[in-house]
Amino acid sequence: IHVDMLIFGWMMQLAMGVAAWIVPRFSVEPRYGRVRLAWLAFGLLNTGVLVAAGAYWFGNSTLNLIGHVCLLLAGLSFAIFIFPRIKPMAEIADS
């Protein structure tokens, strides 16, 4: 439980938050892109951590699978959110 909560509950949220802040923003509105996907990733990540922790606590492998699927969907949602903001290095240097 501790490792799951530390890696996914804390480190992933830290990495996703830093990535959302540090990746270049768009010059026109909406500056951060589709923010609803980031909020969806946040919700899925926290839900997945809580469900997976509960699965370890109660010894239920089905809940464990559901929790980790939520974590996977959170990662995919965040990747879809952040990908349009990633630009080639030459494009950043020209602007």
N, C-alpha and C. Protein backbone atom coordinates (compact mmCIF):
# COMPACT_ATOMS: atom_id res chain seq x y z
N ILE A 1 0.84 -1.19 0.00
CA ILE A 1 0.00 0.00 0.00
C ILE A 1 0.87 1.24 0.00
N HIS A 2 1.92 1.22 0.80
CA HIS A 2 2.78 2.39 0.93
C HIS A 2 3.45 2.75 -0.39
N VAL A 3 3.98 1.75 -1.08
CA VAL A 3 4.66 2.01 -2.35
C VAL A 3 3.67 2.53 -3.39
N ASP A 4 2.51 1.92 -3.46
CA ASP A 4 1.48 2.37 -4.42
C ASP A 4 1.09 3.82 -4.15
N MET A 5 0.87 4.14 -2.90
CA MET A 5 0.46 5.50 -2.57
C MET A 5 1.61 6.50 -2.77
N LEU A 6 2.83 6.08 -2.50
CA LEU A 6 3.97 6.99 -2.66
C LEU A 6 4.26 7.25 -4.13
N ILE A 7 4.34 6.18 -4.92
CA ILE A 7 4.70 6.34 -6.32
C ILE A 7 3.59 7.01 -7.12
N PHE A 8 2.37 6.49 -6.98
CA PHE A 8 1.29 7.03 -7.78
C PHE A 8 0.60 8.22 -7.11
N GLY A 9 0.42 8.13 -5.83
CA GLY A 9 -0.31 9.19 -5.13
C GLY A 9 0.48 10.46 -4.95
N TRP A 10 1.80 10.35 -4.82
CA TRP A 10 2.58 11.56 -4.58
C TRP A 10 3.50 11.89 -5.75
N MET A 11 4.33 10.93 -6.17
CA MET A 11 5.31 11.21 -7.23
C MET A 11 4.64 11.50 -8.57
N MET A 12 3.61 10.76 -8.91
CA MET A 12 2.94 11.01 -10.20
C MET A 12 2.24 12.36 -10.19
N GLN A 13 1.62 12.71 -9.08
CA GLN A 13 0.97 14.02 -9.03
C GLN A 13 2.00 15.14 -9.09
N LEU A 14 3.14 14.95 -8.44
CA LEU A 14 4.20 15.94 -8.51
C LEU A 14 4.71 16.08 -9.95
N ALA A 15 4.99 14.95 -10.60
CA ALA A 15 5.49 14.98 -11.98
C ALA A 15 4.48 15.60 -12.94
N MET A 16 3.20 15.23 -12.78
CA MET A 16 2.18 15.78 -13.67
C MET A 16 1.98 17.27 -13.42
N GLY A 17 2.03 17.70 -12.18
CA GLY A 17 1.88 19.12 -11.88
C GLY A 17 3.04 19.94 -12.42
N VAL A 18 4.26 19.44 -12.27
CA VAL A 18 5.42 20.15 -12.80
C VAL A 18 5.37 20.18 -14.32
N ALA A 19 5.00 19.07 -14.93
CA ALA A 19 4.91 19.03 -16.40
C ALA A 19 3.85 20.00 -16.90
N ALA A 20 2.71 20.05 -16.23
CA ALA A 20 1.65 20.96 -16.67
C ALA A 20 2.10 22.41 -16.55
N TRP A 21 2.95 22.70 -15.58
CA TRP A 21 3.40 24.07 -15.38
C TRP A 21 4.56 24.44 -16.29
N ILE A 22 5.49 23.51 -16.51
CA ILE A 22 6.73 23.86 -17.18
C ILE A 22 6.67 23.75 -18.71
N VAL A 23 5.79 22.89 -19.23
CA VAL A 23 5.67 22.75 -20.69
C VAL A 23 5.12 24.06 -21.24
N PRO A 24 5.70 24.57 -22.35
CA PRO A 24 5.26 25.87 -22.88
C PRO A 24 3.76 25.94 -23.12
N ARG A 25 3.20 27.09 -22.78
CA ARG A 25 1.77 27.32 -22.96
C ARG A 25 1.53 27.92 -24.35
N PHE A 26 0.28 27.85 -24.79
CA PHE A 26 -0.07 28.44 -26.08
C PHE A 26 -0.07 29.97 -25.96
N SER A 27 0.14 30.64 -27.07
CA SER A 27 0.16 32.10 -27.04
C SER A 27 -1.25 32.70 -27.13
N VAL A 28 -2.23 31.89 -27.48
CA VAL A 28 -3.63 32.36 -27.55
C VAL A 28 -4.46 31.56 -26.56
N GLU A 29 -5.64 32.08 -26.23
CA GLU A 29 -6.54 31.39 -25.30
C GLU A 29 -7.14 30.16 -25.97
N PRO A 30 -7.36 29.09 -25.32
CA PRO A 30 -6.98 28.77 -23.94
C PRO A 30 -5.49 28.44 -23.87
N ARG A 31 -4.77 29.11 -23.00
CA ARG A 31 -3.32 29.00 -22.92
C ARG A 31 -2.83 27.63 -22.48
N TYR A 32 -3.61 26.93 -21.70
CA TYR A 32 -3.19 25.62 -21.21
C TYR A 32 -3.78 24.46 -22.01
N GLY A 33 -4.59 24.74 -22.99
CA GLY A 33 -5.20 23.66 -23.78
C GLY A 33 -6.47 23.14 -23.14
N ARG A 34 -6.72 21.87 -23.32
CA ARG A 34 -7.95 21.23 -22.80
C ARG A 34 -7.76 20.86 -21.33
N VAL A 35 -8.03 21.80 -20.47
CA VAL A 35 -7.79 21.64 -19.03
C VAL A 35 -8.68 20.56 -18.43
N ARG A 36 -9.83 20.32 -19.03
CA ARG A 36 -10.71 19.27 -18.49
C ARG A 36 -10.05 17.90 -18.50
N LEU A 37 -9.17 17.68 -19.48
CA LEU A 37 -8.43 16.40 -19.52
C LEU A 37 -7.47 16.31 -18.34
N ALA A 38 -6.86 17.43 -17.96
CA ALA A 38 -5.96 17.42 -16.81
C ALA A 38 -6.74 17.16 -15.53
N TRP A 39 -7.92 17.76 -15.40
CA TRP A 39 -8.75 17.51 -14.22
C TRP A 39 -9.25 16.07 -14.20
N LEU A 40 -9.56 15.52 -15.37
CA LEU A 40 -9.95 14.13 -15.45
C LEU A 40 -8.80 13.22 -15.00
N ALA A 41 -7.58 13.54 -15.46
CA ALA A 41 -6.41 12.77 -15.04
C ALA A 41 -6.21 12.85 -13.53
N PHE A 42 -6.38 14.03 -12.97
CA PHE A 42 -6.26 14.23 -11.52
C PHE A 42 -7.29 13.37 -10.77
N GLY A 43 -8.52 13.40 -11.22
CA GLY A 43 -9.57 12.61 -10.57
C GLY A 43 -9.34 11.12 -10.70
N LEU A 44 -8.96 10.68 -11.91
CA LEU A 44 -8.70 9.25 -12.12
C LEU A 44 -7.50 8.78 -11.32
N LEU A 45 -6.48 9.61 -11.22
CA LEU A 45 -5.29 9.23 -10.46
C LEU A 45 -5.62 9.05 -8.99
N ASN A 46 -6.32 10.00 -8.42
CA ASN A 46 -6.68 9.89 -7.00
C ASN A 46 -7.65 8.74 -6.75
N THR A 47 -8.61 8.55 -7.64
CA THR A 47 -9.54 7.43 -7.51
C THR A 47 -8.80 6.11 -7.61
N GLY A 48 -7.89 6.01 -8.57
CA GLY A 48 -7.12 4.79 -8.75
C GLY A 48 -6.26 4.46 -7.55
N VAL A 49 -5.64 5.48 -6.96
CA VAL A 49 -4.80 5.26 -5.78
C VAL A 49 -5.65 4.77 -4.61
N LEU A 50 -6.78 5.42 -4.39
CA LEU A 50 -7.64 5.03 -3.28
C LEU A 50 -8.23 3.63 -3.47
N VAL A 51 -8.66 3.31 -4.68
CA VAL A 51 -9.25 2.00 -4.95
C VAL A 51 -8.18 0.91 -4.84
N ALA A 52 -6.98 1.17 -5.38
CA ALA A 52 -5.91 0.17 -5.30
C ALA A 52 -5.47 -0.02 -3.84
N ALA A 53 -5.39 1.04 -3.07
CA ALA A 53 -5.04 0.91 -1.65
C ALA A 53 -6.11 0.13 -0.90
N GLY A 54 -7.36 0.39 -1.21
CA GLY A 54 -8.45 -0.37 -0.59
C GLY A 54 -8.41 -1.82 -0.99
N ALA A 55 -8.00 -2.09 -2.23
CA ALA A 55 -7.91 -3.47 -2.69
C ALA A 55 -6.83 -4.23 -1.93
N TYR A 56 -5.70 -3.59 -1.68
CA TYR A 56 -4.66 -4.24 -0.88
C TYR A 56 -5.15 -4.46 0.55
N TRP A 57 -5.86 -3.49 1.07
CA TRP A 57 -6.34 -3.58 2.45
C TRP A 57 -7.33 -4.74 2.63
N PHE A 58 -8.25 -4.87 1.66
CA PHE A 58 -9.28 -5.91 1.75
C PHE A 58 -8.90 -7.20 1.03
N GLY A 59 -7.77 -7.20 0.31
CA GLY A 59 -7.34 -8.41 -0.40
C GLY A 59 -8.19 -8.75 -1.60
N ASN A 60 -8.70 -7.75 -2.30
CA ASN A 60 -9.59 -7.97 -3.44
C ASN A 60 -8.83 -7.67 -4.72
N SER A 61 -8.55 -8.70 -5.52
CA SER A 61 -7.77 -8.51 -6.75
C SER A 61 -8.56 -7.79 -7.83
N THR A 62 -9.88 -7.90 -7.82
CA THR A 62 -10.70 -7.18 -8.82
C THR A 62 -10.61 -5.68 -8.59
N LEU A 63 -10.69 -5.26 -7.34
CA LEU A 63 -10.53 -3.83 -7.03
C LEU A 63 -9.14 -3.35 -7.38
N ASN A 64 -8.15 -4.20 -7.18
CA ASN A 64 -6.78 -3.83 -7.52
C ASN A 64 -6.66 -3.57 -9.03
N LEU A 65 -7.26 -4.44 -9.82
CA LEU A 65 -7.26 -4.25 -11.27
C LEU A 65 -7.97 -2.97 -11.66
N ILE A 66 -9.13 -2.72 -11.08
CA ILE A 66 -9.89 -1.50 -11.38
C ILE A 66 -9.08 -0.26 -11.01
N GLY A 67 -8.43 -0.29 -9.85
CA GLY A 67 -7.61 0.84 -9.43
C GLY A 67 -6.46 1.10 -10.38
N HIS A 68 -5.79 0.05 -10.82
CA HIS A 68 -4.67 0.24 -11.74
C HIS A 68 -5.12 0.61 -13.15
N VAL A 69 -6.29 0.18 -13.54
CA VAL A 69 -6.85 0.65 -14.83
C VAL A 69 -7.14 2.15 -14.74
N CYS A 70 -7.66 2.60 -13.60
CA CYS A 70 -7.87 4.05 -13.40
C CYS A 70 -6.56 4.80 -13.50
N LEU A 71 -5.48 4.23 -12.94
CA LEU A 71 -4.16 4.87 -13.03
C LEU A 71 -3.68 4.94 -14.47
N LEU A 72 -3.90 3.88 -15.22
CA LEU A 72 -3.52 3.87 -16.63
C LEU A 72 -4.31 4.92 -17.41
N LEU A 73 -5.61 4.99 -17.17
CA LEU A 73 -6.44 5.99 -17.86
C LEU A 73 -6.04 7.40 -17.47
N ALA A 74 -5.61 7.59 -16.22
CA ALA A 74 -5.13 8.90 -15.79
C ALA A 74 -3.89 9.30 -16.57
N GLY A 75 -2.97 8.36 -16.74
CA GLY A 75 -1.77 8.64 -17.51
C GLY A 75 -2.07 8.95 -18.97
N LEU A 76 -2.98 8.21 -19.55
CA LEU A 76 -3.36 8.46 -20.94
C LEU A 76 -4.06 9.81 -21.09
N SER A 77 -4.93 10.13 -20.16
CA SER A 77 -5.63 11.41 -20.19
C SER A 77 -4.65 12.57 -20.08
N PHE A 78 -3.68 12.44 -19.19
CA PHE A 78 -2.69 13.50 -19.04
C PHE A 78 -1.81 13.61 -20.28
N ALA A 79 -1.44 12.49 -20.87
CA ALA A 79 -0.63 12.53 -22.09
C ALA A 79 -1.38 13.21 -23.23
N ILE A 80 -2.67 12.94 -23.35
CA ILE A 80 -3.47 13.60 -24.39
C ILE A 80 -3.58 15.09 -24.10
N PHE A 81 -3.66 15.46 -22.83
CA PHE A 81 -3.72 16.87 -22.45
C PHE A 81 -2.42 17.60 -22.78
N ILE A 82 -1.28 17.00 -22.46
CA ILE A 82 0.00 17.71 -22.54
C ILE A 82 0.63 17.65 -23.93
N PHE A 83 0.31 16.62 -24.73
CA PHE A 83 0.98 16.41 -26.01
C PHE A 83 0.88 17.60 -26.98
N PRO A 84 -0.28 18.26 -27.14
CA PRO A 84 -0.33 19.37 -28.09
C PRO A 84 0.57 20.55 -27.70
N ARG A 85 0.96 20.66 -26.44
CA ARG A 85 1.80 21.77 -26.00
C ARG A 85 3.28 21.52 -26.22
N ILE A 86 3.65 20.29 -26.56
CA ILE A 86 5.06 19.96 -26.78
C ILE A 86 5.44 20.39 -28.18
N LYS A 87 6.50 21.19 -28.26
CA LYS A 87 6.94 21.74 -29.55
C LYS A 87 8.39 21.34 -29.81
N PRO A 88 8.77 21.23 -31.09
CA PRO A 88 10.18 20.95 -31.41
C PRO A 88 11.08 22.09 -30.92
N MET A 89 12.32 21.79 -30.61
CA MET A 89 13.24 22.78 -30.06
C MET A 89 13.46 23.94 -31.02
N ALA A 90 13.54 23.70 -32.33
CA ALA A 90 13.77 24.76 -33.31
C ALA A 90 12.59 25.74 -33.30
N GLU A 91 11.39 25.25 -33.11
CA GLU A 91 10.21 26.10 -33.09
C GLU A 91 10.23 27.01 -31.87
N ILE A 92 10.72 26.53 -30.75
CA ILE A 92 10.81 27.34 -29.54
C ILE A 92 11.88 28.41 -29.70
N ALA A 93 13.01 28.07 -30.34
CA ALA A 93 14.12 29.01 -30.51
C ALA A 93 13.74 30.13 -31.48
N ASP A 94 12.88 29.85 -32.45
CA ASP A 94 12.47 30.87 -33.42
C ASP A 94 11.52 31.88 -32.85
N SER A 95 10.79 31.55 -31.79
CA SER A 95 9.77 32.46 -31.28
C SER A 95 10.31 33.37 -30.23
